[in-house]
PDB file of all heavy atoms in Angstrom:
ATOM      1  N   TRP A   1     124.442  99.862 123.733  1.00  0.00           N
ATOM      2  CA  TRP A   1     124.554  98.498 122.939  1.00  0.00           C
ATOM      3  C   TRP A   1     123.121  98.302 122.416  1.00  0.00           C
ATOM      4  O   TRP A   1     122.035  98.305 123.204  1.00  0.00           O
ATOM      5  CB  TRP A   1     124.982  97.471 123.928  1.00  0.00           C
ATOM      6  CG  TRP A   1     125.000  96.084 123.380  1.00  0.00           C
ATOM      7  CD1 TRP A   1     123.858  95.244 123.383  1.00  0.00           C
ATOM      8  CD2 TRP A   1     125.941  95.299 122.708  1.00  0.00           C
ATOM      9  NE1 TRP A   1     124.113  93.943 122.783  1.00  0.00           N
ATOM     10  CE2 TRP A   1     125.496  94.078 122.438  1.00  0.00           C
ATOM     11  CE3 TRP A   1     127.280  95.628 122.342  1.00  0.00           C
ATOM     12  CZ2 TRP A   1     126.228  93.047 121.790  1.00  0.00           C
ATOM     13  CZ3 TRP A   1     127.918  94.625 121.749  1.00  0.00           C
ATOM     14  CH2 TRP A   1     127.488  93.386 121.431  1.00  0.00           C
ATOM     15  N   ARG A   2     123.127  97.886 121.235  1.00  0.00           N
ATOM     16  CA  ARG A   2     121.824  97.648 120.617  1.00  0.00           C
ATOM     17  C   ARG A   2     121.840  96.232 119.800  1.00  0.00           C
ATOM     18  O   ARG A   2     122.772  95.943 119.225  1.00  0.00           O
ATOM     19  CB  ARG A   2     121.337  98.692 119.569  1.00  0.00           C
ATOM     20  CG  ARG A   2     121.043 100.029 120.239  1.00  0.00           C
ATOM     21  CD  ARG A   2     120.260 100.963 119.245  1.00  0.00           C
ATOM     22  NE  ARG A   2     121.038 101.030 118.027  1.00  0.00           N
ATOM     23  CZ  ARG A   2     120.704 102.037 117.155  1.00  0.00           C
ATOM     24  NH1 ARG A   2     119.638 102.794 117.257  1.00  0.00           N
ATOM     25  NH2 ARG A   2     121.480 102.144 116.085  1.00  0.00           N
ATOM     26  N   TRP A   3     120.725  95.516 120.033  1.00  0.00           N
ATOM     27  CA  TRP A   3     120.728  94.301 119.149  1.00  0.00           C
ATOM     28  C   TRP A   3     120.318  94.611 117.755  1.00  0.00           C
ATOM     29  O   TRP A   3     119.209  94.815 117.354  1.00  0.00           O
ATOM     30  CB  TRP A   3     119.657  93.416 119.758  1.00  0.00           C
ATOM     31  CG  TRP A   3     120.190  92.710 120.981  1.00  0.00           C
ATOM     32  CD1 TRP A   3     119.895  93.123 122.297  1.00  0.00           C
ATOM     33  CD2 TRP A   3     121.101  91.554 121.204  1.00  0.00           C
ATOM     34  NE1 TRP A   3     120.581  92.326 123.251  1.00  0.00           N
ATOM     35  CE2 TRP A   3     121.314  91.337 122.429  1.00  0.00           C
ATOM     36  CE3 TRP A   3     121.710  90.851 120.172  1.00  0.00           C
ATOM     37  CZ2 TRP A   3     122.165  90.430 122.978  1.00  0.00           C
ATOM     38  CZ3 TRP A   3     122.517  89.778 120.750  1.00  0.00           C
ATOM     39  CH2 TRP A   3     122.787  89.509 122.082  1.00  0.00           C
ATOM     40  N   GLU A   4     121.305  94.535 116.826  1.00  0.00           N
ATOM     41  CA  GLU A   4     121.038  94.881 115.381  1.00  0.00           C
ATOM     42  C   GLU A   4     121.917  93.869 114.616  1.00  0.00           C
ATOM     43  O   GLU A   4     122.558  92.909 115.124  1.00  0.00           O
ATOM     44  CB  GLU A   4     121.511  96.291 115.123  1.00  0.00           C
ATOM     45  CG  GLU A   4     122.996  96.516 115.479  1.00  0.00           C
ATOM     46  CD  GLU A   4     123.404  97.951 115.476  1.00  0.00           C
ATOM     47  OE1 GLU A   4     122.405  98.895 115.152  1.00  0.00           O
ATOM     48  OE2 GLU A   4     124.418  98.318 115.718  1.00  0.00           O
ATOM     49  N   HIS A   5     121.753  93.966 113.346  1.00  0.00           N
ATOM     50  CA  HIS A   5     122.392  93.000 112.358  1.00  0.00           C
ATOM     51  C   HIS A   5     123.945  92.819 112.671  1.00  0.00           C
ATOM     52  O   HIS A   5     124.399  91.715 112.800  1.00  0.00           O
ATOM     53  CB  HIS A   5     122.256  93.327 110.931  1.00  0.00           C
ATOM     54  CG  HIS A   5     120.757  93.285 110.443  1.00  0.00           C
ATOM     55  ND1 HIS A   5     119.922  94.378 110.658  1.00  0.00           N
ATOM     56  CD2 HIS A   5     120.104  92.212 109.910  1.00  0.00           C
ATOM     57  CE1 HIS A   5     118.669  93.905 110.143  1.00  0.00           C
ATOM     58  NE2 HIS A   5     118.802  92.715 109.768  1.00  0.00           N
ATOM     59  N   LYS A   6     124.586  93.920 112.843  1.00  0.00           N
ATOM     60  CA  LYS A   6     126.085  93.814 113.025  1.00  0.00           C
ATOM     61  C   LYS A   6     126.369  93.050 114.348  1.00  0.00           C
ATOM     62  O   LYS A   6     127.324  92.268 114.453  1.00  0.00           O
ATOM     63  CB  LYS A   6     126.666  95.146 113.264  1.00  0.00           C
ATOM     64  CG  LYS A   6     128.124  95.300 113.389  1.00  0.00           C
ATOM     65  CD  LYS A   6     128.765  96.662 113.415  1.00  0.00           C
ATOM     66  CE  LYS A   6     128.220  97.482 114.506  1.00  0.00           C
ATOM     67  NZ  LYS A   6     128.782  98.852 114.641  1.00  0.00           N
ATOM     68  N   THR A   7     125.569  93.343 115.375  1.00  0.00           N
ATOM     69  CA  THR A   7     125.711  92.681 116.763  1.00  0.00           C
ATOM     70  C   THR A   7     125.487  91.157 116.652  1.00  0.00           C
ATOM     71  O   THR A   7     126.326  90.421 117.088  1.00  0.00           O
ATOM     72  CB  THR A   7     124.842  93.309 117.783  1.00  0.00           C
ATOM     73  OG1 THR A   7     125.069  94.726 117.782  1.00  0.00           O
ATOM     74  CG2 THR A   7     125.005  92.681 119.050  1.00  0.00           C
ATOM     75  N   VAL A   8     124.410  90.842 116.036  1.00  0.00           N
ATOM     76  CA  VAL A   8     124.095  89.354 115.859  1.00  0.00           C
ATOM     77  C   VAL A   8     125.039  88.618 115.101  1.00  0.00           C
ATOM     78  O   VAL A   8     125.394  87.646 115.610  1.00  0.00           O
ATOM     79  CB  VAL A   8     122.616  89.277 115.274  1.00  0.00           C
ATOM     80  CG1 VAL A   8     122.377  87.732 114.940  1.00  0.00           C
ATOM     81  CG2 VAL A   8     121.540  89.896 116.167  1.00  0.00           C
ATOM     82  N   PHE A   9     125.574  89.173 113.948  1.00  0.00           N
ATOM     83  CA  PHE A   9     126.510  88.422 113.214  1.00  0.00           C
ATOM     84  C   PHE A   9     127.840  88.462 113.847  1.00  0.00           C
ATOM     85  O   PHE A   9     128.579  87.408 113.725  1.00  0.00           O
ATOM     86  CB  PHE A   9     126.648  89.197 111.789  1.00  0.00           C
ATOM     87  CG  PHE A   9     125.595  88.829 110.846  1.00  0.00           C
ATOM     88  CD1 PHE A   9     124.937  89.815 110.089  1.00  0.00           C
ATOM     89  CD2 PHE A   9     125.390  87.556 110.422  1.00  0.00           C
ATOM     90  CE1 PHE A   9     123.894  89.557 109.238  1.00  0.00           C
ATOM     91  CE2 PHE A   9     124.267  87.220 109.448  1.00  0.00           C
ATOM     92  CZ  PHE A   9     123.623  88.255 108.920  1.00  0.00           C
ATOM     93  N   SER A  10     128.156  89.433 114.613  1.00  0.00           N
ATOM     94  CA  SER A  10     129.398  89.370 115.458  1.00  0.00           C
ATOM     95  C   SER A  10     129.426  88.342 116.440  1.00  0.00           C
ATOM     96  O   SER A  10     130.486  87.595 116.606  1.00  0.00           O
ATOM     97  CB  SER A  10     129.727  90.743 116.072  1.00  0.00           C
ATOM     98  OG  SER A  10     129.892  91.825 115.039  1.00  0.00           O
ATOM     99  N   LEU A  11     128.295  88.218 117.224  1.00  0.00           N
ATOM    100  CA  LEU A  11     128.130  87.193 118.150  1.00  0.00           C
ATOM    101  C   LEU A  11     128.217  85.807 117.608  1.00  0.00           C
ATOM    102  O   LEU A  11     128.709  84.920 118.237  1.00  0.00           O
ATOM    103  CB  LEU A  11     126.987  87.417 119.074  1.00  0.00           C
ATOM    104  CG  LEU A  11     127.089  88.690 119.996  1.00  0.00           C
ATOM    105  CD1 LEU A  11     125.715  88.894 120.619  1.00  0.00           C
ATOM    106  CD2 LEU A  11     128.131  88.552 121.069  1.00  0.00           C
ATOM    107  N   LEU A  12     127.534  85.665 116.478  1.00  0.00           N
ATOM    108  CA  LEU A  12     127.503  84.292 115.810  1.00  0.00           C
ATOM    109  C   LEU A  12     128.932  84.010 115.253  1.00  0.00           C
ATOM    110  O   LEU A  12     129.246  82.846 115.570  1.00  0.00           O
ATOM    111  CB  LEU A  12     126.508  84.319 114.602  1.00  0.00           C
ATOM    112  CG  LEU A  12     124.975  84.318 114.880  1.00  0.00           C
ATOM    113  CD1 LEU A  12     124.238  84.470 113.720  1.00  0.00           C
ATOM    114  CD2 LEU A  12     124.660  83.106 115.754  1.00  0.00           C
ATOM    115  N   SER A  13     129.749  84.957 114.822  1.00  0.00           N
ATOM    116  CA  SER A  13     130.943  84.596 114.495  1.00  0.00           C
ATOM    117  C   SER A  13     131.828  84.246 115.611  1.00  0.00           C
ATOM    118  O   SER A  13     132.677  83.283 115.516  1.00  0.00           O
ATOM    119  CB  SER A  13     131.574  85.804 113.630  1.00  0.00           C
ATOM    120  OG  SER A  13     131.939  86.871 114.450  1.00  0.00           O
ATOM    121  N   TRP A  14     131.709  84.981 116.756  1.00  0.00           N
ATOM    122  CA  TRP A  14     132.393  84.608 117.952  1.00  0.00           C
ATOM    123  C   TRP A  14     132.032  83.187 118.368  1.00  0.00           C
ATOM    124  O   TRP A  14     133.020  82.533 118.848  1.00  0.00           O
ATOM    125  CB  TRP A  14     131.969  85.701 119.092  1.00  0.00           C
ATOM    126  CG  TRP A  14     132.838  85.423 120.426  1.00  0.00           C
ATOM    127  CD1 TRP A  14     134.013  86.132 120.666  1.00  0.00           C
ATOM    128  CD2 TRP A  14     132.412  84.563 121.428  1.00  0.00           C
ATOM    129  NE1 TRP A  14     134.458  85.708 121.918  1.00  0.00           N
ATOM    130  CE2 TRP A  14     133.534  84.801 122.509  1.00  0.00           C
ATOM    131  CE3 TRP A  14     131.388  83.766 121.705  1.00  0.00           C
ATOM    132  CZ2 TRP A  14     133.442  84.032 123.561  1.00  0.00           C
ATOM    133  CZ3 TRP A  14     131.402  83.030 122.899  1.00  0.00           C
ATOM    134  CH2 TRP A  14     132.372  83.248 123.831  1.00  0.00           C
ATOM    135  N   LEU A  15     130.888  82.833 118.318  1.00  0.00           N
ATOM    136  CA  LEU A  15     130.466  81.489 118.704  1.00  0.00           C
ATOM    137  C   LEU A  15     131.111  80.332 117.866  1.00  0.00           C
ATOM    138  O   LEU A  15     131.512  79.383 118.330  1.00  0.00           O
ATOM    139  CB  LEU A  15     128.994  81.413 118.714  1.00  0.00           C
ATOM    140  CG  LEU A  15     128.324  80.090 119.146  1.00  0.00           C
ATOM    141  CD1 LEU A  15     128.742  79.753 120.611  1.00  0.00           C
ATOM    142  CD2 LEU A  15     126.789  80.092 119.014  1.00  0.00           C
ATOM    143  N   ALA A  16     131.131  80.635 116.523  1.00  0.00           N
ATOM    144  CA  ALA A  16     131.744  79.755 115.575  1.00  0.00           C
ATOM    145  C   ALA A  16     133.191  79.582 115.903  1.00  0.00           C
ATOM    146  O   ALA A  16     133.636  78.325 115.946  1.00  0.00           O
ATOM    147  CB  ALA A  16     131.526  80.165 114.081  1.00  0.00           C
ATOM    148  N   PHE A  17     133.916  80.698 116.032  1.00  0.00           N
ATOM    149  CA  PHE A  17     135.393  80.495 116.527  1.00  0.00           C
ATOM    150  C   PHE A  17     135.590  79.834 117.759  1.00  0.00           C
ATOM    151  O   PHE A  17     136.627  79.108 117.906  1.00  0.00           O
ATOM    152  CB  PHE A  17     135.980  81.852 116.388  1.00  0.00           C
ATOM    153  CG  PHE A  17     136.025  82.436 114.947  1.00  0.00           C
ATOM    154  CD1 PHE A  17     135.547  83.764 114.758  1.00  0.00           C
ATOM    155  CD2 PHE A  17     136.556  81.720 113.875  1.00  0.00           C
ATOM    156  CE1 PHE A  17     135.642  84.290 113.441  1.00  0.00           C
ATOM    157  CE2 PHE A  17     136.550  82.230 112.563  1.00  0.00           C
ATOM    158  CZ  PHE A  17     136.061  83.548 112.460  1.00  0.00           C
ATOM    159  N   ALA A  18     134.804  80.141 118.734  1.00  0.00           N
ATOM    160  CA  ALA A  18     134.887  79.528 119.983  1.00  0.00           C
ATOM    161  C   ALA A  18     134.639  77.973 119.909  1.00  0.00           C
ATOM    162  O   ALA A  18     135.414  77.169 120.504  1.00  0.00           O
ATOM    163  CB  ALA A  18     133.752  80.123 121.054  1.00  0.00           C
ATOM    164  N   VAL A  19     133.603  77.574 119.103  1.00  0.00           N
ATOM    165  CA  VAL A  19     133.405  76.185 118.876  1.00  0.00           C
ATOM    166  C   VAL A  19     134.575  75.404 118.054  1.00  0.00           C
ATOM    167  O   VAL A  19     135.059  74.324 118.505  1.00  0.00           O
ATOM    168  CB  VAL A  19     132.162  75.876 118.141  1.00  0.00           C
ATOM    169  CG1 VAL A  19     131.967  74.516 117.553  1.00  0.00           C
ATOM    170  CG2 VAL A  19     130.920  76.283 118.887  1.00  0.00           C
ATOM    171  N   LEU A  20     135.170  76.219 117.158  1.00  0.00           N
ATOM    172  CA  LEU A  20     136.308  75.706 116.470  1.00  0.00           C
ATOM    173  C   LEU A  20     137.533  75.512 117.385  1.00  0.00           C
ATOM    174  O   LEU A  20     138.122  74.476 117.374  1.00  0.00           O
ATOM    175  CB  LEU A  20     136.662  76.654 115.338  1.00  0.00           C
ATOM    176  CG  LEU A  20     137.865  76.361 114.486  1.00  0.00           C
ATOM    177  CD1 LEU A  20     137.813  74.965 113.804  1.00  0.00           C
ATOM    178  CD2 LEU A  20     138.210  77.485 113.560  1.00  0.00           C
ATOM    179  N   LEU A  21     137.821  76.457 118.154  1.00  0.00           N
ATOM    180  CA  LEU A  21     138.953  76.400 119.167  1.00  0.00           C
ATOM    181  C   LEU A  21     138.727  75.260 120.179  1.00  0.00           C
ATOM    182  O   LEU A  21     139.784  74.649 120.514  1.00  0.00           O
ATOM    183  CB  LEU A  21     139.323  77.781 119.687  1.00  0.00           C
ATOM    184  CG  LEU A  21     139.789  78.837 118.741  1.00  0.00           C
ATOM    185  CD1 LEU A  21     139.858  80.136 119.489  1.00  0.00           C
ATOM    186  CD2 LEU A  21     141.102  78.359 118.183  1.00  0.00           C
ATOM    187  N   LEU A  22     137.570  75.199 120.729  1.00  0.00           N
ATOM    188  CA  LEU A  22     137.216  74.267 121.594  1.00  0.00           C
ATOM    189  C   LEU A  22     137.295  72.768 120.986  1.00  0.00           C
ATOM    190  O   LEU A  22     137.904  71.902 121.688  1.00  0.00           O
ATOM    191  CB  LEU A  22     135.777  74.375 122.335  1.00  0.00           C
ATOM    192  CG  LEU A  22     135.317  73.384 123.368  1.00  0.00           C
ATOM    193  CD1 LEU A  22     136.236  73.480 124.446  1.00  0.00           C
ATOM    194  CD2 LEU A  22     133.965  73.655 123.726  1.00  0.00           C
ATOM    195  N   GLY A  23     136.697  72.608 119.816  1.00  0.00           N
ATOM    196  CA  GLY A  23     136.913  71.396 119.264  1.00  0.00           C
ATOM    197  C   GLY A  23     138.302  71.044 118.877  1.00  0.00           C
ATOM    198  O   GLY A  23     138.584  69.817 118.917  1.00  0.00           O
ATOM    199  N   ARG A  24     139.082  71.956 118.487  1.00  0.00           N
ATOM    200  CA  ARG A  24     140.490  71.676 118.208  1.00  0.00           C
ATOM    201  C   ARG A  24     141.176  71.283 119.536  1.00  0.00           C
ATOM    202  O   ARG A  24     142.068  70.192 119.516  1.00  0.00           O
ATOM    203  CB  ARG A  24     141.158  72.986 117.717  1.00  0.00           C
ATOM    204  CG  ARG A  24     142.718  72.911 117.662  1.00  0.00           C
ATOM    205  CD  ARG A  24     143.165  72.203 116.430  1.00  0.00           C
ATOM    206  NE  ARG A  24     144.670  72.310 116.294  1.00  0.00           N
ATOM    207  CZ  ARG A  24     145.222  71.666 115.399  1.00  0.00           C
ATOM    208  NH1 ARG A  24     144.678  70.860 114.554  1.00  0.00           N
ATOM    209  NH2 ARG A  24     146.588  71.840 115.197  1.00  0.00           N
ATOM    210  N   ALA A  25     140.952  71.961 120.616  1.00  0.00           N
ATOM    211  CA  ALA A  25     141.636  71.669 121.956  1.00  0.00           C
ATOM    212  C   ALA A  25     141.177  70.394 122.602  1.00  0.00           C
ATOM    213  O   ALA A  25     141.926  69.525 123.152  1.00  0.00           O
ATOM    214  CB  ALA A  25     141.566  72.917 122.822  1.00  0.00           C
ATOM    215  N   ARG A  26     139.864  70.139 122.400  1.00  0.00           N
ATOM    216  CA  ARG A  26     139.292  69.028 123.151  1.00  0.00           C
ATOM    217  C   ARG A  26     139.130  67.741 122.358  1.00  0.00           C
ATOM    218  O   ARG A  26     139.455  66.615 122.832  1.00  0.00           O
ATOM    219  CB  ARG A  26     137.851  69.341 123.693  1.00  0.00           C
ATOM    220  CG  ARG A  26     137.232  68.375 124.496  1.00  0.00           C
ATOM    221  CD  ARG A  26     137.812  68.366 125.892  1.00  0.00           C
ATOM    222  NE  ARG A  26     137.225  67.404 126.737  1.00  0.00           N
ATOM    223  CZ  ARG A  26     136.013  67.653 127.566  1.00  0.00           C
ATOM    224  NH1 ARG A  26     135.592  68.873 127.522  1.00  0.00           N
ATOM    225  NH2 ARG A  26     135.545  66.777 128.239  1.00  0.00           N
ATOM    226  N   PHE A  27     138.931  67.892 120.930  1.00  0.00           N
ATOM    227  CA  PHE A  27     138.697  66.791 120.236  1.00  0.00           C
ATOM    228  C   PHE A  27     139.740  66.531 119.021  1.00  0.00           C
ATOM    229  O   PHE A  27     139.537  65.612 118.124  1.00  0.00           O
ATOM    230  CB  PHE A  27     137.353  66.656 119.582  1.00  0.00           C
ATOM    231  CG  PHE A  27     136.173  66.944 120.727  1.00  0.00           C
ATOM    232  CD1 PHE A  27     135.552  68.017 120.813  1.00  0.00           C
ATOM    233  CD2 PHE A  27     135.948  65.737 121.619  1.00  0.00           C
ATOM    234  CE1 PHE A  27     134.484  68.201 121.863  1.00  0.00           C
ATOM    235  CE2 PHE A  27     134.958  65.951 122.580  1.00  0.00           C
ATOM    236  CZ  PHE A  27     134.282  67.060 122.711  1.00  0.00           C
ATOM    237  N   GLY A  28     140.651  67.494 119.014  1.00  0.00           N
ATOM    238  CA  GLY A  28     141.632  67.500 117.975  1.00  0.00           C
ATOM    239  C   GLY A  28     141.107  67.687 116.525  1.00  0.00           C
ATOM    240  O   GLY A  28     141.627  67.002 115.571  1.00  0.00           O
ATOM    241  N   TRP A  29     140.069  68.540 116.397  1.00  0.00           N
ATOM    242  CA  TRP A  29     139.540  68.867 115.077  1.00  0.00           C
ATOM    243  C   TRP A  29     140.633  69.250 114.193  1.00  0.00           C
ATOM    244  O   TRP A  29     141.490  70.182 114.435  1.00  0.00           O
ATOM    245  CB  TRP A  29     138.481  69.935 115.126  1.00  0.00           C
ATOM    246  CG  TRP A  29     137.212  69.418 115.767  1.00  0.00           C
ATOM    247  CD1 TRP A  29     136.864  68.198 116.220  1.00  0.00           C
ATOM    248  CD2 TRP A  29     136.025  70.123 115.898  1.00  0.00           C
ATOM    249  NE1 TRP A  29     135.585  68.159 116.679  1.00  0.00           N
ATOM    250  CE2 TRP A  29     134.975  69.376 116.525  1.00  0.00           C
ATOM    251  CE3 TRP A  29     135.678  71.517 115.629  1.00  0.00           C
ATOM    252  CZ2 TRP A  29     133.672  69.791 116.772  1.00  0.00           C
ATOM    253  CZ3 TRP A  29     134.391  71.927 115.864  1.00  0.00           C
ATOM    254  CH2 TRP A  29     133.565  71.065 116.527  1.00  0.00           C
ATOM    255  N   ARG A  30     140.589  68.891 112.877  1.00  0.00           N
ATOM    256  CA  ARG A  30     141.545  69.306 111.798  1.00  0.00           C
ATOM    257  C   ARG A  30     140.879  68.850 110.414  1.00  0.00           C
ATOM    258  O   ARG A  30     139.769  68.327 110.366  1.00  0.00           O
ATOM    259  CB  ARG A  30     142.805  68.493 112.034  1.00  0.00           C
ATOM    260  CG  ARG A  30     142.705  67.037 111.932  1.00  0.00           C
ATOM    261  CD  ARG A  30     144.016  66.297 112.357  1.00  0.00           C
ATOM    262  NE  ARG A  30     145.209  66.902 111.772  1.00  0.00           N
ATOM    263  CZ  ARG A  30     146.372  66.551 112.110  1.00  0.00           C
ATOM    264  NH1 ARG A  30     146.662  65.716 113.151  1.00  0.00           N
ATOM    265  NH2 ARG A  30     147.413  67.062 111.416  1.00  0.00           N
ATOM    266  N   GLY A  31     141.522  69.276 109.464  1.00  0.00           N
ATOM    267  CA  GLY A  31     141.146  68.933 108.159  1.00  0.00           C
ATOM    268  C   GLY A  31     139.954  69.628 107.663  1.00  0.00           C
ATOM    269  O   GLY A  31     139.670  70.836 108.042  1.00  0.00           O
ATOM    270  N   ARG A  32     139.091  69.068 106.736  1.00  0.00           N
ATOM    271  CA  ARG A  32     138.083  69.686 106.125  1.00  0.00           C
ATOM    272  C   ARG A  32     136.986  70.273 107.083  1.00  0.00           C
ATOM    273  O   ARG A  32     136.425  71.330 106.956  1.00  0.00           O
ATOM    274  CB  ARG A  32     137.372  68.759 105.142  1.00  0.00           C
ATOM    275  CG  ARG A  32     138.204  68.349 103.955  1.00  0.00           C
ATOM    276  CD  ARG A  32     137.457  67.472 102.996  1.00  0.00           C
ATOM    277  NE  ARG A  32     138.275  67.101 101.869  1.00  0.00           N
ATOM    278  CZ  ARG A  32     137.745  66.410 100.786  1.00  0.00           C
ATOM    279  NH1 ARG A  32     136.573  65.939 100.899  1.00  0.00           N
ATOM    280  NH2 ARG A  32     138.537  66.072  99.809  1.00  0.00           N
ATOM    281  N   SER A  33     136.570  69.497 107.945  1.00  0.00           N
ATOM    282  CA  SER A  33     135.570  69.948 109.047  1.00  0.00           C
ATOM    283  C   SER A  33     136.082  71.224 109.797  1.00  0.00           C
ATOM    284  O   SER A  33     135.170  72.173 109.930  1.00  0.00           O
ATOM    285  CB  SER A  33     135.349  68.749 110.116  1.00  0.00           C
ATOM    286  OG  SER A  33     134.900  67.618 109.375  1.00  0.00           O
ATOM    287  N   ALA A  34     137.261  71.211 110.160  1.00  0.00           N
ATOM    288  CA  ALA A  34     137.664  72.438 110.956  1.00  0.00           C
ATOM    289  C   ALA A  34     137.758  73.698 109.898  1.00  0.00           C
ATOM    290  O   ALA A  34     137.359  74.790 110.235  1.00  0.00           O
ATOM    291  CB  ALA A  34     139.123  72.274 111.467  1.00  0.00           C
ATOM    292  N   VAL A  35     138.159  73.406 108.714  1.00  0.00           N
ATOM    293  CA  VAL A  35     138.280  74.551 107.668  1.00  0.00           C
ATOM    294  C   VAL A  35     136.929  75.050 107.411  1.00  0.00           C
ATOM    295  O   VAL A  35     136.684  76.270 107.264  1.00  0.00           O
ATOM    296  CB  VAL A  35     138.963  73.973 106.448  1.00  0.00           C
ATOM    297  CG1 VAL A  35     138.805  75.072 105.323  1.00  0.00           C
ATOM    298  CG2 VAL A  35     140.392  73.794 106.657  1.00  0.00           C
ATOM    299  N   ARG A  36     135.888  74.098 107.267  1.00  0.00           N
ATOM    300  CA  ARG A  36     134.552  74.625 107.083  1.00  0.00           C
ATOM    301  C   ARG A  36     133.957  75.515 108.096  1.00  0.00           C
ATOM    302  O   ARG A  36     133.318  76.492 107.880  1.00  0.00           O
ATOM    303  CB  ARG A  36     133.503  73.440 106.834  1.00  0.00           C
ATOM    304  CG  ARG A  36     133.802  72.688 105.658  1.00  0.00           C
ATOM    305  CD  ARG A  36     132.676  71.715 105.459  1.00  0.00           C
ATOM    306  NE  ARG A  36     132.826  70.799 104.227  1.00  0.00           N
ATOM    307  CZ  ARG A  36     133.240  69.533 104.337  1.00  0.00           C
ATOM    308  NH1 ARG A  36     133.550  68.968 105.645  1.00  0.00           N
ATOM    309  NH2 ARG A  36     133.567  68.898 103.232  1.00  0.00           N
ATOM    310  N   VAL A  37     134.269  75.236 109.375  1.00  0.00           N
ATOM    311  CA  VAL A  37     133.885  76.027 110.544  1.00  0.00           C
ATOM    312  C   VAL A  37     134.566  77.391 110.507  1.00  0.00           C
ATOM    313  O   VAL A  37     133.911  78.473 110.718  1.00  0.00           O
ATOM    314  CB  VAL A  37     134.016  75.321 111.872  1.00  0.00           C
ATOM    315  CG1 VAL A  37     133.727  76.247 113.066  1.00  0.00           C
ATOM    316  CG2 VAL A  37     133.302  74.060 111.986  1.00  0.00           C
ATOM    317  N   LEU A  38     135.863  77.327 110.099  1.00  0.00           N
ATOM    318  CA  LEU A  38     136.572  78.624 109.985  1.00  0.00           C
ATOM    319  C   LEU A  38     136.050  79.451 108.898  1.00  0.00           C
ATOM    320  O   LEU A  38     135.838  80.678 109.023  1.00  0.00           O
ATOM    321  CB  LEU A  38     138.009  78.270 109.565  1.00  0.00           C
ATOM    322  CG  LEU A  38     138.941  79.465 109.246  1.00  0.00           C
ATOM    323  CD1 LEU A  38     139.008  80.501 110.285  1.00  0.00           C
ATOM    324  CD2 LEU A  38     140.329  78.932 108.991  1.00  0.00           C
ATOM    325  N   TYR A  39     135.726  78.866 107.784  1.00  0.00           N
ATOM    326  CA  TYR A  39     135.067  79.669 106.594  1.00  0.00           C
ATOM    327  C   TYR A  39     133.768  80.264 107.073  1.00  0.00           C
ATOM    328  O   TYR A  39     133.401  81.383 106.747  1.00  0.00           O
ATOM    329  CB  TYR A  39     134.880  78.759 105.406  1.00  0.00           C
ATOM    330  CG  TYR A  39     136.259  78.460 104.712  1.00  0.00           C
ATOM    331  CD1 TYR A  39     136.192  77.471 103.816  1.00  0.00           C
ATOM    332  CD2 TYR A  39     137.274  79.176 104.977  1.00  0.00           C
ATOM    333  CE1 TYR A  39     137.450  77.192 103.068  1.00  0.00           C
ATOM    334  CE2 TYR A  39     138.486  78.928 104.198  1.00  0.00           C
ATOM    335  CZ  TYR A  39     138.569  77.869 103.386  1.00  0.00           C
ATOM    336  OH  TYR A  39     139.747  77.552 102.670  1.00  0.00           O
ATOM    337  N   ALA A  40     132.932  79.460 107.789  1.00  0.00           N
ATOM    338  CA  ALA A  40     131.615  79.824 108.298  1.00  0.00           C
ATOM    339  C   ALA A  40     131.887  81.016 109.298  1.00  0.00           C
ATOM    340  O   ALA A  40     131.016  82.066 109.086  1.00  0.00           O
ATOM    341  CB  ALA A  40     130.845  78.747 108.884  1.00  0.00           C
ATOM    342  N   GLY A  41     132.727  80.915 110.151  1.00  0.00           N
ATOM    343  CA  GLY A  41     132.865  81.979 111.139  1.00  0.00           C
ATOM    344  C   GLY A  41     133.504  83.305 110.480  1.00  0.00           C
ATOM    345  O   GLY A  41     132.996  84.435 110.756  1.00  0.00           O
ATOM    346  N   ALA A  42     134.389  83.116 109.514  1.00  0.00           N
ATOM    347  CA  ALA A  42     134.759  84.294 108.790  1.00  0.00           C
ATOM    348  C   ALA A  42     133.792  84.987 107.927  1.00  0.00           C
ATOM    349  O   ALA A  42     133.703  86.186 107.872  1.00  0.00           O
ATOM    350  CB  ALA A  42     136.095  83.877 107.884  1.00  0.00           C
ATOM    351  N   ALA A  43     132.942  84.168 107.295  1.00  0.00           N
ATOM    352  CA  ALA A  43     131.721  84.759 106.486  1.00  0.00           C
ATOM    353  C   ALA A  43     130.812  85.532 107.416  1.00  0.00           C
ATOM    354  O   ALA A  43     130.314  86.681 107.054  1.00  0.00           O
ATOM    355  CB  ALA A  43     130.990  83.601 105.781  1.00  0.00           C
ATOM    356  N   LEU A  44     130.601  84.918 108.611  1.00  0.00           N
ATOM    357  CA  LEU A  44     129.711  85.735 109.587  1.00  0.00           C
ATOM    358  C   LEU A  44     130.327  86.937 109.999  1.00  0.00           C
ATOM    359  O   LEU A  44     129.714  88.034 110.077  1.00  0.00           O
ATOM    360  CB  LEU A  44     129.295  84.817 110.821  1.00  0.00           C
ATOM    361  CG  LEU A  44     128.507  83.570 110.474  1.00  0.00           C
ATOM    362  CD1 LEU A  44     128.447  82.672 111.645  1.00  0.00           C
ATOM    363  CD2 LEU A  44     127.088  84.144 110.201  1.00  0.00           C
TER     364      LEU A  44
END
């Protein structure tokens, strides 16, 4: 395992999706805010 661009972007995307799912389950995130986080995670 090496810390390189692919690794960093993969972990950042994992973190974005984890935040999105946690926000959905805990705070009921929906609408534009949730979609923006989804787009950001997908881009990463």
